[in-house]
């Protein structure tokens, strides 16, 4: 299990190797994301040696900058290697209705990878609007 609380510049990250359930949720706005993402990359590298039969990564971004987007794509490529070795891998890309930027980024990533993507549209502050 790998877990990091969200901060103003970095997302919550929860990686559960026993269930194959991964979550990246929040803003990726750090100007120096190297250390943050390198730890995640190393963890996934170890996980890929003996992955769970199905790995599902849910990505729910607030905002993301260019430097963080490169690392996120690298994580997707790591999961693609697991997928290509015969395991089931799914990426669930959550985006807010009307925010074209995050949706377009997810579409771009899905076209750059062979991993199946599912796009989940939400409405901003949905729960508080009920």
C-alpha atoms as a PDB file:
ATOM      1  CA  UNK A   1       0.000   0.000   0.000  1.00  0.00           C
ATOM      2  CA  UNK A   2       1.228   3.460  -0.926  1.00  0.00           C
ATOM      3  CA  UNK A   3      -0.616   6.517   0.326  1.00  0.00           C
ATOM      4  CA  UNK A   4       0.011  10.282   0.224  1.00  0.00           C
ATOM      5  CA  UNK A   5      -2.416  12.941   1.446  1.00  0.00           C
ATOM      6  CA  UNK A   6      -3.258  15.745  -0.961  1.00  0.00           C
ATOM      7  CA  UNK A   7      -1.632  19.153  -0.620  1.00  0.00           C
ATOM      8  CA  UNK A   8      -2.252  22.433  -2.430  1.00  0.00           C
ATOM      9  CA  UNK A   9       0.158  21.363  -5.188  1.00  0.00           C
ATOM     10  CA  UNK A  10      -0.031  17.564  -5.174  1.00  0.00           C
ATOM     11  CA  UNK A  11      -2.901  15.065  -5.390  1.00  0.00           C
ATOM     12  CA  UNK A  12      -4.005  12.400  -2.983  1.00  0.00           C
ATOM     13  CA  UNK A  13      -2.397   9.156  -4.148  1.00  0.00           C
ATOM     14  CA  UNK A  14      -3.634   5.765  -3.003  1.00  0.00           C
ATOM     15  CA  UNK A  15      -2.092   2.634  -4.526  1.00  0.00           C
ATOM     16  CA  UNK A  16      -3.426  -0.674  -3.190  1.00  0.00           C
ATOM     17  CA  UNK A  17      -1.406  -3.587  -4.545  1.00  0.00           C
ATOM     18  CA  UNK A  18      -3.580  -6.228  -2.827  1.00  0.00           C
ATOM     19  CA  UNK A  19      -6.700  -5.114  -4.704  1.00  0.00           C
ATOM     20  CA  UNK A  20      -5.132  -3.483  -7.776  1.00  0.00           C
ATOM     21  CA  UNK A  21      -6.988  -0.261  -7.023  1.00  0.00           C
ATOM     22  CA  UNK A  22      -5.104   2.980  -7.666  1.00  0.00           C
ATOM     23  CA  UNK A  23      -6.323   6.554  -7.229  1.00  0.00           C
ATOM     24  CA  UNK A  24      -4.825   9.925  -8.142  1.00  0.00           C
ATOM     25  CA  UNK A  25      -7.200  12.654  -6.977  1.00  0.00           C
ATOM     26  CA  UNK A  26      -6.549  16.393  -6.861  1.00  0.00           C
ATOM     27  CA  UNK A  27      -4.238  19.059  -8.242  1.00  0.00           C
ATOM     28  CA  UNK A  28      -0.889  18.331  -9.901  1.00  0.00           C
ATOM     29  CA  UNK A  29       0.571  21.824  -9.797  1.00  0.00           C
ATOM     30  CA  UNK A  30       4.005  21.389  -8.219  1.00  0.00           C
ATOM     31  CA  UNK A  31       6.779  23.274  -9.999  1.00  0.00           C
ATOM     32  CA  UNK A  32       9.217  20.493  -9.003  1.00  0.00           C
ATOM     33  CA  UNK A  33       7.232  17.252  -9.245  1.00  0.00           C
ATOM     34  CA  UNK A  34      10.328  15.043  -9.645  1.00  0.00           C
ATOM     35  CA  UNK A  35      10.538  13.647  -6.118  1.00  0.00           C
ATOM     36  CA  UNK A  36       6.758  13.323  -5.722  1.00  0.00           C
ATOM     37  CA  UNK A  37       6.306  11.336  -8.930  1.00  0.00           C
ATOM     38  CA  UNK A  38       9.623   9.436  -8.763  1.00  0.00           C
ATOM     39  CA  UNK A  39       8.452   7.721  -5.545  1.00  0.00           C
ATOM     40  CA  UNK A  40       5.187   6.714  -7.239  1.00  0.00           C
ATOM     41  CA  UNK A  41       7.033   5.523 -10.350  1.00  0.00           C
ATOM     42  CA  UNK A  42       9.375   3.356  -8.254  1.00  0.00           C
ATOM     43  CA  UNK A  43       6.424   1.877  -6.349  1.00  0.00           C
ATOM     44  CA  UNK A  44       4.601   0.983  -9.587  1.00  0.00           C
ATOM     45  CA  UNK A  45       7.831  -0.457 -10.992  1.00  0.00           C
ATOM     46  CA  UNK A  46       7.961  -2.866  -8.028  1.00  0.00           C
ATOM     47  CA  UNK A  47       4.229  -3.571  -8.300  1.00  0.00           C
ATOM     48  CA  UNK A  48       4.578  -4.465 -11.978  1.00  0.00           C
ATOM     49  CA  UNK A  49       6.833  -7.399 -11.078  1.00  0.00           C
ATOM     50  CA  UNK A  50       3.837  -9.146  -9.528  1.00  0.00           C
ATOM     51  CA  UNK A  51       0.652  -7.196 -10.323  1.00  0.00           C
ATOM     52  CA  UNK A  52      -2.854  -8.060  -9.224  1.00  0.00           C
ATOM     53  CA  UNK A  53      -4.926  -9.746 -11.968  1.00  0.00           C
ATOM     54  CA  UNK A  54      -6.799  -6.473 -12.603  1.00  0.00           C
ATOM     55  CA  UNK A  55      -5.405  -3.002 -12.022  1.00  0.00           C
ATOM     56  CA  UNK A  56      -7.748  -0.013 -12.117  1.00  0.00           C
ATOM     57  CA  UNK A  57      -6.374   3.515 -11.939  1.00  0.00           C
ATOM     58  CA  UNK A  58      -8.888   6.297 -11.316  1.00  0.00           C
ATOM     59  CA  UNK A  59      -7.605   9.756 -12.223  1.00  0.00           C
ATOM     60  CA  UNK A  60      -9.637  12.702 -10.960  1.00  0.00           C
ATOM     61  CA  UNK A  61      -7.617  15.850 -11.604  1.00  0.00           C
ATOM     62  CA  UNK A  62      -8.355  19.332 -10.393  1.00  0.00           C
ATOM     63  CA  UNK A  63      -5.635  21.080 -12.343  1.00  0.00           C
ATOM     64  CA  UNK A  64      -2.381  19.898 -13.868  1.00  0.00           C
ATOM     65  CA  UNK A  65       0.703  21.675 -15.167  1.00  0.00           C
ATOM     66  CA  UNK A  66       3.000  20.633 -18.013  1.00  0.00           C
ATOM     67  CA  UNK A  67       5.758  19.143 -15.841  1.00  0.00           C
ATOM     68  CA  UNK A  68       3.301  16.998 -13.870  1.00  0.00           C
ATOM     69  CA  UNK A  69       1.484  15.890 -17.036  1.00  0.00           C
ATOM     70  CA  UNK A  70       4.682  14.233 -18.307  1.00  0.00           C
ATOM     71  CA  UNK A  71       4.960  12.190 -15.118  1.00  0.00           C
ATOM     72  CA  UNK A  72       1.307  11.206 -15.278  1.00  0.00           C
ATOM     73  CA  UNK A  73       1.795   9.973 -18.830  1.00  0.00           C
ATOM     74  CA  UNK A  74       4.809   7.979 -17.636  1.00  0.00           C
ATOM     75  CA  UNK A  75       2.600   6.272 -15.018  1.00  0.00           C
ATOM     76  CA  UNK A  76       0.110   5.387 -17.764  1.00  0.00           C
ATOM     77  CA  UNK A  77       2.967   3.894 -19.805  1.00  0.00           C
ATOM     78  CA  UNK A  78       4.019   1.828 -16.777  1.00  0.00           C
ATOM     79  CA  UNK A  79       0.483   0.460 -16.555  1.00  0.00           C
ATOM     80  CA  UNK A  80       0.521  -0.149 -20.295  1.00  0.00           C
ATOM     81  CA  UNK A  81       3.532  -2.436 -19.810  1.00  0.00           C
ATOM     82  CA  UNK A  82       1.505  -4.432 -17.253  1.00  0.00           C
ATOM     83  CA  UNK A  83      -1.388  -4.542 -19.750  1.00  0.00           C
ATOM     84  CA  UNK A  84       0.887  -5.737 -22.562  1.00  0.00           C
ATOM     85  CA  UNK A  85       2.177  -8.549 -20.354  1.00  0.00           C
ATOM     86  CA  UNK A  86      -1.325 -10.033 -20.228  1.00  0.00           C
ATOM     87  CA  UNK A  87      -2.931  -8.476 -17.162  1.00  0.00           C
ATOM     88  CA  UNK A  88      -6.180  -6.539 -17.141  1.00  0.00           C
ATOM     89  CA  UNK A  89      -5.633  -2.788 -16.726  1.00  0.00           C
ATOM     90  CA  UNK A  90      -8.279  -0.056 -16.816  1.00  0.00           C
ATOM     91  CA  UNK A  91      -7.986   3.690 -16.490  1.00  0.00           C
ATOM     92  CA  UNK A  92     -11.010   5.627 -15.280  1.00  0.00           C
ATOM     93  CA  UNK A  93     -10.645   9.295 -16.233  1.00  0.00           C
ATOM     94  CA  UNK A  94     -12.984  11.543 -14.262  1.00  0.00           C
ATOM     95  CA  UNK A  95     -13.687  15.011 -15.621  1.00  0.00           C
ATOM     96  CA  UNK A  96     -16.072  17.804 -14.777  1.00  0.00           C
ATOM     97  CA  UNK A  97     -18.795  18.600 -17.278  1.00  0.00           C
ATOM     98  CA  UNK A  98     -17.783  21.643 -19.305  1.00  0.00           C
ATOM     99  CA  UNK A  99     -14.058  21.461 -18.484  1.00  0.00           C
ATOM    100  CA  UNK A 100     -12.674  20.625 -21.893  1.00  0.00           C
ATOM    101  CA  UNK A 101      -9.015  20.773 -20.801  1.00  0.00           C
ATOM    102  CA  UNK A 102      -9.057  17.743 -18.518  1.00  0.00           C
ATOM    103  CA  UNK A 103     -11.257  15.777 -20.894  1.00  0.00           C
ATOM    104  CA  UNK A 104      -8.959  16.574 -23.830  1.00  0.00           C
ATOM    105  CA  UNK A 105      -5.879  15.597 -21.816  1.00  0.00           C
ATOM    106  CA  UNK A 106      -7.484  12.248 -20.992  1.00  0.00           C
ATOM    107  CA  UNK A 107      -8.411  11.722 -24.649  1.00  0.00           C
ATOM    108  CA  UNK A 108      -4.834  12.494 -25.686  1.00  0.00           C
ATOM    109  CA  UNK A 109      -3.472  10.010 -23.142  1.00  0.00           C
ATOM    110  CA  UNK A 110      -5.941   7.351 -24.264  1.00  0.00           C
ATOM    111  CA  UNK A 111      -4.738   7.761 -27.857  1.00  0.00           C
ATOM    112  CA  UNK A 112      -1.085   7.509 -26.778  1.00  0.00           C
ATOM    113  CA  UNK A 113      -1.655   4.242 -24.904  1.00  0.00           C
ATOM    114  CA  UNK A 114      -3.250   0.870 -25.576  1.00  0.00           C
ATOM    115  CA  UNK A 115      -4.747   0.680 -22.063  1.00  0.00           C
ATOM    116  CA  UNK A 116      -8.569   0.906 -22.104  1.00  0.00           C
ATOM    117  CA  UNK A 117      -9.875   4.239 -20.802  1.00  0.00           C
ATOM    118  CA  UNK A 118     -13.360   4.887 -19.435  1.00  0.00           C
ATOM    119  CA  UNK A 119     -14.414   8.527 -19.253  1.00  0.00           C
ATOM    120  CA  UNK A 120     -16.626   9.483 -16.329  1.00  0.00           C
ATOM    121  CA  UNK A 121     -18.371  12.817 -16.529  1.00  0.00           C
ATOM    122  CA  UNK A 122     -19.271  14.531 -13.273  1.00  0.00           C
ATOM    123  CA  UNK A 123     -20.808  17.849 -12.373  1.00  0.00           C
ATOM    124  CA  UNK A 124     -18.828  20.251 -10.189  1.00  0.00           C
ATOM    125  CA  UNK A 125     -20.010  20.243  -6.559  1.00  0.00           C
ATOM    126  CA  UNK A 126     -22.642  17.663  -7.447  1.00  0.00           C
ATOM    127  CA  UNK A 127     -23.273  16.531  -3.859  1.00  0.00           C
ATOM    128  CA  UNK A 128     -23.600  20.068  -2.497  1.00  0.00           C
ATOM    129  CA  UNK A 129     -26.134  20.937  -5.194  1.00  0.00           C
ATOM    130  CA  UNK A 130     -28.621  18.235  -4.172  1.00  0.00           C
END
